[in-house]
C-alpha atoms as a PDB file:
ATOM      1  CA  MET A   1       0.000   0.000   0.000  1.00  0.00           C
ATOM      2  CA  LYS A   2       2.841   2.375   0.830  1.00  0.00           C
ATOM      3  CA  VAL A   3       4.368   2.114  -2.642  1.00  0.00           C
ATOM      4  CA  GLY A   4       0.908   2.614  -4.140  1.00  0.00           C
ATOM      5  CA  LEU A   5       0.489   5.865  -2.211  1.00  0.00           C
ATOM      6  CA  GLN A   6       3.947   6.971  -3.304  1.00  0.00           C
ATOM      7  CA  ALA A   7       3.015   6.264  -6.923  1.00  0.00           C
ATOM      8  CA  ALA A   8      -0.225   8.238  -6.534  1.00  0.00           C
ATOM      9  CA  ALA A   9       1.712  11.161  -5.068  1.00  0.00           C
ATOM     10  CA  SER A  10       4.186  10.956  -7.957  1.00  0.00           C
ATOM     11  CA  VAL A  11       1.331  11.096 -10.479  1.00  0.00           C
ATOM     12  CA  ALA A  12      -0.164  14.107  -8.685  1.00  0.00           C
ATOM     13  CA  VAL A  13       3.165  15.957  -8.726  1.00  0.00           C
ATOM     14  CA  GLY A  14       3.650  15.047 -12.369  1.00  0.00           C
ATOM     15  CA  PHE A  15       0.179  16.370 -13.161  1.00  0.00           C
ATOM     16  CA  ALA A  16       1.027  19.714 -11.533  1.00  0.00           C
ATOM     17  CA  VAL A  17       4.359  19.988 -13.367  1.00  0.00           C
ATOM     18  CA  PHE A  18       2.739  19.149 -16.689  1.00  0.00           C
ATOM     19  CA  GLY A  19       0.084  21.766 -16.007  1.00  0.00           C
ATOM     20  CA  ILE A  20       2.751  24.449 -15.581  1.00  0.00           C
ATOM     21  CA  LEU A  21       4.699  23.329 -18.661  1.00  0.00           C
ATOM     22  CA  VAL A  22       1.559  23.272 -20.794  1.00  0.00           C
ATOM     23  CA  PHE A  23      -0.545  26.233 -19.700  1.00  0.00           C
ATOM     24  CA  ALA A  24       2.129  28.796 -18.768  1.00  0.00           C
ATOM     25  CA  PRO A  25       3.617  28.959 -22.309  1.00  0.00           C
ATOM     26  CA  ALA A  26       0.121  28.707 -23.813  1.00  0.00           C
ATOM     27  CA  GLY A  27      -0.912  31.753 -21.806  1.00  0.00           C
ATOM     28  CA  THR A  28      -4.428  30.423 -21.307  1.00  0.00           C
ATOM     29  CA  PHE A  29      -6.432  27.572 -19.828  1.00  0.00           C
ATOM     30  CA  ASP A  30      -8.667  27.662 -22.919  1.00  0.00           C
ATOM     31  CA  TYR A  31      -6.476  25.078 -24.592  1.00  0.00           C
ATOM     32  CA  TRP A  32      -8.320  21.811 -25.162  1.00  0.00           C
ATOM     33  CA  GLN A  33      -5.245  20.113 -26.641  1.00  0.00           C
ATOM     34  CA  GLY A  34      -3.410  20.708 -23.379  1.00  0.00           C
ATOM     35  CA  TRP A  35      -6.206  19.301 -21.228  1.00  0.00           C
ATOM     36  CA  VAL A  36      -6.610  16.208 -23.400  1.00  0.00           C
ATOM     37  CA  PHE A  37      -2.865  15.563 -23.469  1.00  0.00           C
ATOM     38  CA  ILE A  38      -2.563  15.777 -19.680  1.00  0.00           C
ATOM     39  CA  ALA A  39      -5.608  13.542 -19.227  1.00  0.00           C
ATOM     40  CA  VAL A  40      -4.228  10.923 -21.612  1.00  0.00           C
ATOM     41  CA  PHE A  41      -0.754  11.021 -20.056  1.00  0.00           C
ATOM     42  CA  ALA A  42      -2.059  10.816 -16.493  1.00  0.00           C
ATOM     43  CA  THR A  43      -4.535   8.015 -17.245  1.00  0.00           C
ATOM     44  CA  VAL A  44      -2.171   5.784 -19.208  1.00  0.00           C
ATOM     45  CA  SER A  45       0.574   6.295 -16.614  1.00  0.00           C
ATOM     46  CA  ALA A  46      -1.704   5.674 -13.629  1.00  0.00           C
ATOM     47  CA  LEU A  47      -3.482   2.476 -14.694  1.00  0.00           C
ATOM     48  CA  PRO A  48      -0.343   0.279 -14.984  1.00  0.00           C
ATOM     49  CA  SER A  49       0.931   1.770 -11.722  1.00  0.00           C
ATOM     50  CA  ILE A  50      -2.273   0.669  -9.997  1.00  0.00           C
ATOM     51  CA  TYR A  51      -1.862  -2.821 -11.469  1.00  0.00           C
ATOM     52  CA  LEU A  52       1.764  -3.071 -10.329  1.00  0.00           C
ATOM     53  CA  ALA A  53       0.926  -1.738  -6.865  1.00  0.00           C
ATOM     54  CA  ARG A  54      -1.481  -4.664  -6.448  1.00  0.00           C
ATOM     55  CA  HIS A  55       0.470  -7.431  -8.194  1.00  0.00           C
ATOM     56  CA  ASP A  56       4.185  -6.480  -8.249  1.00  0.00           C
ATOM     57  CA  PRO A  57       5.092  -3.674  -5.823  1.00  0.00           C
ATOM     58  CA  ALA A  58       8.821  -4.351  -6.288  1.00  0.00           C
ATOM     59  CA  ALA A  59       8.553  -3.637 -10.022  1.00  0.00           C
ATOM     60  CA  LEU A  60       6.646  -0.430  -9.325  1.00  0.00           C
ATOM     61  CA  ARG A  61       9.305   0.599  -6.807  1.00  0.00           C
ATOM     62  CA  ARG A  62      12.005   0.099  -9.448  1.00  0.00           C
ATOM     63  CA  ARG A  63       9.959   2.080 -11.961  1.00  0.00           C
ATOM     64  CA  MET A  64       9.693   5.006  -9.553  1.00  0.00           C
ATOM     65  CA  GLN A  65      13.472   5.233  -9.153  1.00  0.00           C
ATOM     66  CA  ALA A  66      13.857   7.621 -12.060  1.00  0.00           C
ATOM     67  CA  GLY A  67      15.877  10.685 -12.933  1.00  0.00           C
ATOM     68  CA  PRO A  68      19.539  11.714 -12.824  1.00  0.00           C
ATOM     69  CA  THR A  69      19.880  11.206  -9.057  1.00  0.00           C
ATOM     70  CA  ALA A  70      18.912   7.538  -9.427  1.00  0.00           C
ATOM     71  CA  GLU A  71      21.732   6.877 -11.902  1.00  0.00           C
ATOM     72  CA  THR A  72      25.197   5.701 -10.860  1.00  0.00           C
ATOM     73  CA  ARG A  73      27.020   5.972 -14.197  1.00  0.00           C
ATOM     74  CA  PRO A  74      28.171   9.476 -15.292  1.00  0.00           C
ATOM     75  CA  VAL A  75      26.974   9.000 -18.887  1.00  0.00           C
ATOM     76  CA  GLN A  76      23.548   7.950 -17.635  1.00  0.00           C
ATOM     77  CA  LYS A  77      23.316  10.920 -15.278  1.00  0.00           C
ATOM     78  CA  LEU A  78      24.022  13.281 -18.166  1.00  0.00           C
ATOM     79  CA  ALA A  79      21.726  11.473 -20.591  1.00  0.00           C
ATOM     80  CA  SER A  80      18.887  11.348 -18.060  1.00  0.00           C
ATOM     81  CA  THR A  81      19.255  15.066 -17.304  1.00  0.00           C
ATOM     82  CA  LEU A  82      19.216  15.968 -20.993  1.00  0.00           C
ATOM     83  CA  ALA A  83      16.248  13.672 -21.665  1.00  0.00           C
ATOM     84  CA  PHE A  84      14.133  15.299 -18.946  1.00  0.00           C
ATOM     85  CA  LEU A  85      15.094  18.770 -20.168  1.00  0.00           C
ATOM     86  CA  LEU A  86      14.285  17.920 -23.788  1.00  0.00           C
ATOM     87  CA  ILE A  87      10.836  16.603 -22.893  1.00  0.00           C
ATOM     88  CA  ALA A  88      10.115  19.706 -20.811  1.00  0.00           C
ATOM     89  CA  VAL A  89      11.290  21.997 -23.618  1.00  0.00           C
ATOM     90  CA  MET A  90       9.303  20.014 -26.199  1.00  0.00           C
ATOM     91  CA  ILE A  91       6.102  20.394 -24.158  1.00  0.00           C
ATOM     92  CA  ALA A  92       6.673  24.102 -23.519  1.00  0.00           C
ATOM     93  CA  ALA A  93       7.627  24.774 -27.155  1.00  0.00           C
ATOM     94  CA  SER A  94       4.507  22.943 -28.372  1.00  0.00           C
ATOM     95  CA  ALA A  95       2.292  25.078 -26.137  1.00  0.00           C
ATOM     96  CA  LEU A  96       4.087  28.252 -27.217  1.00  0.00           C
ATOM     97  CA  ASP A  97       3.648  27.233 -30.860  1.00  0.00           C
ATOM     98  CA  HIS A  98      -0.088  26.913 -30.225  1.00  0.00           C
ATOM     99  CA  ARG A  99      -0.165  30.339 -28.552  1.00  0.00           C
ATOM    100  CA  LEU A 100       1.697  32.096 -31.377  1.00  0.00           C
ATOM    101  CA  GLY A 101       0.008  30.188 -34.175  1.00  0.00           C
ATOM    102  CA  TRP A 102       3.153  28.927 -35.892  1.00  0.00           C
ATOM    103  CA  SER A 103       1.481  25.620 -36.779  1.00  0.00           C
ATOM    104  CA  SER A 104      -2.002  24.831 -38.008  1.00  0.00           C
ATOM    105  CA  VAL A 105      -2.684  21.341 -36.722  1.00  0.00           C
ATOM    106  CA  PRO A 106      -6.097  19.822 -37.590  1.00  0.00           C
ATOM    107  CA  VAL A 107      -8.159  18.282 -34.819  1.00  0.00           C
ATOM    108  CA  ILE A 108      -7.742  14.789 -36.274  1.00  0.00           C
ATOM    109  CA  VAL A 109      -3.945  15.148 -36.208  1.00  0.00           C
ATOM    110  CA  SER A 110      -4.032  16.207 -32.552  1.00  0.00           C
ATOM    111  CA  VAL A 111      -6.232  13.216 -31.782  1.00  0.00           C
ATOM    112  CA  LEU A 112      -3.803  10.893 -33.582  1.00  0.00           C
ATOM    113  CA  GLY A 113      -0.968  12.508 -31.636  1.00  0.00           C
ATOM    114  CA  ASN A 114      -2.700  11.596 -28.381  1.00  0.00           C
ATOM    115  CA  VAL A 115      -3.194   8.050 -29.651  1.00  0.00           C
ATOM    116  CA  LEU A 116       0.575   7.811 -30.227  1.00  0.00           C
ATOM    117  CA  VAL A 117       1.243   9.230 -26.747  1.00  0.00           C
ATOM    118  CA  ALA A 118      -1.049   6.585 -25.249  1.00  0.00           C
ATOM    119  CA  ILE A 119       0.500   3.777 -27.299  1.00  0.00           C
ATOM    120  CA  GLY A 120       4.049   4.864 -26.457  1.00  0.00           C
ATOM    121  CA  LEU A 121       3.351   5.138 -22.745  1.00  0.00           C
ATOM    122  CA  GLY A 122       1.431   1.873 -22.849  1.00  0.00           C
ATOM    123  CA  ILE A 123       4.404   0.087 -24.415  1.00  0.00           C
ATOM    124  CA  ALA A 124       6.774   1.490 -21.800  1.00  0.00           C
ATOM    125  CA  MET A 125       4.462   0.380 -19.004  1.00  0.00           C
ATOM    126  CA  LEU A 126       3.870  -3.061 -20.545  1.00  0.00           C
ATOM    127  CA  VAL A 127       7.628  -3.601 -20.538  1.00  0.00           C
ATOM    128  CA  VAL A 128       7.651  -3.285 -16.746  1.00  0.00           C
ATOM    129  CA  ILE A 129       4.890  -5.888 -16.504  1.00  0.00           C
ATOM    130  CA  GLN A 130       6.777  -8.284 -18.824  1.00  0.00           C
ATOM    131  CA  ASN A 131      10.116  -7.699 -17.100  1.00  0.00           C
ATOM    132  CA  SER A 132       9.869  -6.896 -13.411  1.00  0.00           C
ATOM    133  CA  TYR A 133      13.545  -5.830 -13.397  1.00  0.00           C
ATOM    134  CA  ALA A 134      12.928  -3.141 -16.029  1.00  0.00           C
ATOM    135  CA  ALA A 135      13.515   0.242 -14.454  1.00  0.00           C
ATOM    136  CA  ALA A 136      13.833   3.876 -15.409  1.00  0.00           C
ATOM    137  CA  ASN A 137      17.453   3.842 -14.237  1.00  0.00           C
ATOM    138  CA  VAL A 138      20.300   1.643 -15.475  1.00  0.00           C
ATOM    139  CA  LYS A 139      21.517  -1.124 -13.168  1.00  0.00           C
ATOM    140  CA  VAL A 140      21.775  -4.901 -12.863  1.00  0.00           C
ATOM    141  CA  GLU A 141      20.369  -6.523  -9.722  1.00  0.00           C
ATOM    142  CA  ALA A 142      21.150  -9.834  -8.041  1.00  0.00           C
ATOM    143  CA  GLY A 143      19.093 -12.632  -9.562  1.00  0.00           C
ATOM    144  CA  GLN A 144      18.240 -10.636 -12.674  1.00  0.00           C
ATOM    145  CA  ALA A 145      17.882 -12.714 -15.846  1.00  0.00           C
ATOM    146  CA  VAL A 146      17.710 -11.792 -19.517  1.00  0.00           C
ATOM    147  CA  VAL A 147      14.154 -11.503 -20.861  1.00  0.00           C
ATOM    148  CA  SER A 148      13.934 -12.384 -24.553  1.00  0.00           C
ATOM    149  CA  THR A 149      10.203 -12.916 -25.073  1.00  0.00           C
ATOM    150  CA  GLY A 150       7.295 -10.547 -25.657  1.00  0.00           C
ATOM    151  CA  LEU A 151       8.383  -7.059 -26.659  1.00  0.00           C
ATOM    152  CA  TYR A 152      11.985  -8.026 -25.899  1.00  0.00           C
ATOM    153  CA  GLY A 153      11.791 -10.447 -28.812  1.00  0.00           C
ATOM    154  CA  LEU A 154      11.353  -7.513 -31.199  1.00  0.00           C
ATOM    155  CA  VAL A 155      13.934  -4.994 -29.980  1.00  0.00           C
ATOM    156  CA  ARG A 156      16.433  -5.009 -27.125  1.00  0.00           C
ATOM    157  CA  HIS A 157      15.117  -1.795 -25.565  1.00  0.00           C
ATOM    158  CA  PRO A 158      11.308  -1.798 -25.971  1.00  0.00           C
ATOM    159  CA  MET A 159      10.839   0.732 -23.163  1.00  0.00           C
ATOM    160  CA  TYR A 160      12.874   3.271 -25.120  1.00  0.00           C
ATOM    161  CA  PHE A 161      10.961   2.377 -28.289  1.00  0.00           C
ATOM    162  CA  GLY A 162       7.778   3.286 -26.434  1.00  0.00           C
ATOM    163  CA  ASN A 163       9.383   6.581 -25.420  1.00  0.00           C
ATOM    164  CA  VAL A 164      10.136   7.369 -29.075  1.00  0.00           C
ATOM    165  CA  VAL A 165       6.520   6.658 -30.090  1.00  0.00           C
ATOM    166  CA  MET A 166       5.353   8.943 -27.300  1.00  0.00           C
ATOM    167  CA  LEU A 167       7.731  11.730 -28.362  1.00  0.00           C
ATOM    168  CA  VAL A 168       6.511  11.571 -31.969  1.00  0.00           C
ATOM    169  CA  GLY A 169       2.930  12.001 -30.816  1.00  0.00           C
ATOM    170  CA  LEU A 170       3.531  14.694 -28.201  1.00  0.00           C
ATOM    171  CA  PRO A 171       3.909  17.856 -30.369  1.00  0.00           C
ATOM    172  CA  PRO A 172       0.897  17.231 -32.645  1.00  0.00           C
ATOM    173  CA  ALA A 173      -1.138  16.230 -29.591  1.00  0.00           C
ATOM    174  CA  LEU A 174      -0.456  19.743 -28.252  1.00  0.00           C
ATOM    175  CA  GLY A 175      -1.083  21.378 -31.640  1.00  0.00           C
ATOM    176  CA  SER A 176       2.480  21.825 -32.883  1.00  0.00           C
ATOM    177  CA  TYR A 177       4.560  20.669 -35.828  1.00  0.00           C
ATOM    178  CA  TRP A 178       7.684  22.717 -35.102  1.00  0.00           C
ATOM    179  CA  ALA A 179       8.354  21.021 -31.778  1.00  0.00           C
ATOM    180  CA  LEU A 180       8.895  17.761 -33.682  1.00  0.00           C
ATOM    181  CA  LEU A 181      12.404  19.113 -34.352  1.00  0.00           C
ATOM    182  CA  PHE A 182      13.315  18.238 -30.753  1.00  0.00           C
ATOM    183  CA  ILE A 183      13.000  14.552 -31.638  1.00  0.00           C
ATOM    184  CA  VAL A 184      16.399  14.723 -33.386  1.00  0.00           C
ATOM    185  CA  PRO A 185      18.457  15.659 -30.291  1.00  0.00           C
ATOM    186  CA  GLY A 186      16.208  13.350 -28.291  1.00  0.00           C
ATOM    187  CA  LEU A 187      17.228  10.385 -30.454  1.00  0.00           C
ATOM    188  CA  VAL A 188      20.890  11.342 -30.095  1.00  0.00           C
ATOM    189  CA  VAL A 189      20.604  11.373 -26.289  1.00  0.00           C
ATOM    190  CA  LEU A 190      18.686   8.099 -26.330  1.00  0.00           C
ATOM    191  CA  SER A 191      21.320   6.456 -28.539  1.00  0.00           C
ATOM    192  CA  VAL A 192      24.105   7.496 -26.149  1.00  0.00           C
ATOM    193  CA  ARG A 193      22.090   6.139 -23.229  1.00  0.00           C
ATOM    194  CA  ILE A 194      21.467   2.809 -24.979  1.00  0.00           C
ATOM    195  CA  LEU A 195      25.096   2.283 -26.002  1.00  0.00           C
ATOM    196  CA  ASP A 196      26.339   2.974 -22.481  1.00  0.00           C
ATOM    197  CA  GLU A 197      23.626   0.782 -20.974  1.00  0.00           C
ATOM    198  CA  GLU A 198      24.622  -2.112 -23.212  1.00  0.00           C
ATOM    199  CA  LYS A 199      28.223  -1.834 -22.012  1.00  0.00           C
ATOM    200  CA  LEU A 200      26.956  -2.439 -18.481  1.00  0.00           C
ATOM    201  CA  LEU A 201      24.615  -5.264 -19.502  1.00  0.00           C
ATOM    202  CA  ARG A 202      27.311  -7.080 -21.502  1.00  0.00           C
ATOM    203  CA  ALA A 203      29.669  -6.860 -18.542  1.00  0.00           C
ATOM    204  CA  GLU A 204      27.287  -7.735 -15.691  1.00  0.00           C
ATOM    205  CA  LEU A 205      24.197  -9.559 -17.003  1.00  0.00           C
ATOM    206  CA  ASP A 206      24.734 -13.244 -17.785  1.00  0.00           C
ATOM    207  CA  GLY A 207      23.405 -14.238 -21.187  1.00  0.00           C
ATOM    208  CA  TYR A 208      23.130 -10.734 -22.588  1.00  0.00           C
ATOM    209  CA  ASP A 209      25.722 -11.316 -25.318  1.00  0.00           C
ATOM    210  CA  ALA A 210      23.775 -14.327 -26.576  1.00  0.00           C
ATOM    211  CA  TYR A 211      20.583 -12.272 -26.452  1.00  0.00           C
ATOM    212  CA  THR A 212      22.105  -9.562 -28.658  1.00  0.00           C
ATOM    213  CA  ARG A 213      22.881 -12.192 -31.272  1.00  0.00           C
ATOM    214  CA  LYS A 214      19.281 -13.388 -31.154  1.00  0.00           C
ATOM    215  CA  VAL A 215      17.663  -9.930 -31.207  1.00  0.00           C
ATOM    216  CA  ARG A 216      19.720  -7.765 -33.548  1.00  0.00           C
ATOM    217  CA  TYR A 217      17.956  -4.421 -33.270  1.00  0.00           C
ATOM    218  CA  ARG A 218      18.347  -2.125 -30.282  1.00  0.00           C
ATOM    219  CA  LEU A 219      15.551   0.396 -30.782  1.00  0.00           C
ATOM    220  CA  LEU A 220      13.863   0.361 -34.196  1.00  0.00           C
ATOM    221  CA  PRO A 221      13.199  -2.937 -36.007  1.00  0.00           C
ATOM    222  CA  HIS A 222      15.188  -3.302 -39.246  1.00  0.00           C
ATOM    223  CA  ILE A 223      16.870   0.094 -38.684  1.00  0.00           C
ATOM    224  CA  TRP A 224      19.053   0.088 -35.522  1.00  0.00           C
END
């Protein structure tokens, strides 16, 4: 129950932060794209957390250990910091774009953007259900084994794939095309994070080398 309450508090704090990032640059609360985006993000994030709180509190606890302070490797600390900043800037830039009218995003495109946000977050959360050792920070724990089934049978880092899907949907969900430009530096940061993470996994996780020969692609099937 304690971890469930902590997760609920985390969602509430996240909701408040997202509200500031969305509505301050937009300059108004009359911004339906912002309300829908926050509702979608909060709902899709909360439902798996409720499931994990009931069925696998340890996995939820690992998932909540996120951010630069939870990382032990210098590269991961830097990558995590940059990733959080890029997402914050992408959200704020999308809202500012809406305010200044730089983009003209049809309603259907915004709706599709929210669908991508939901799918991306859903994938990232499903990964935690399929692999209870999956966490938002990079480490190898005692007793951890390689998971090669489910989403891990498609790419080696399905949680990050879900993050990419979410990032693609985020700007149009908020009514912006220009903020899609932030995906480029986001992919660079994510690539650095993945390469450093795989150094750790090859060194400390038994069977990971064999897994990389079985599943060739790190992030995007048939691309990388």
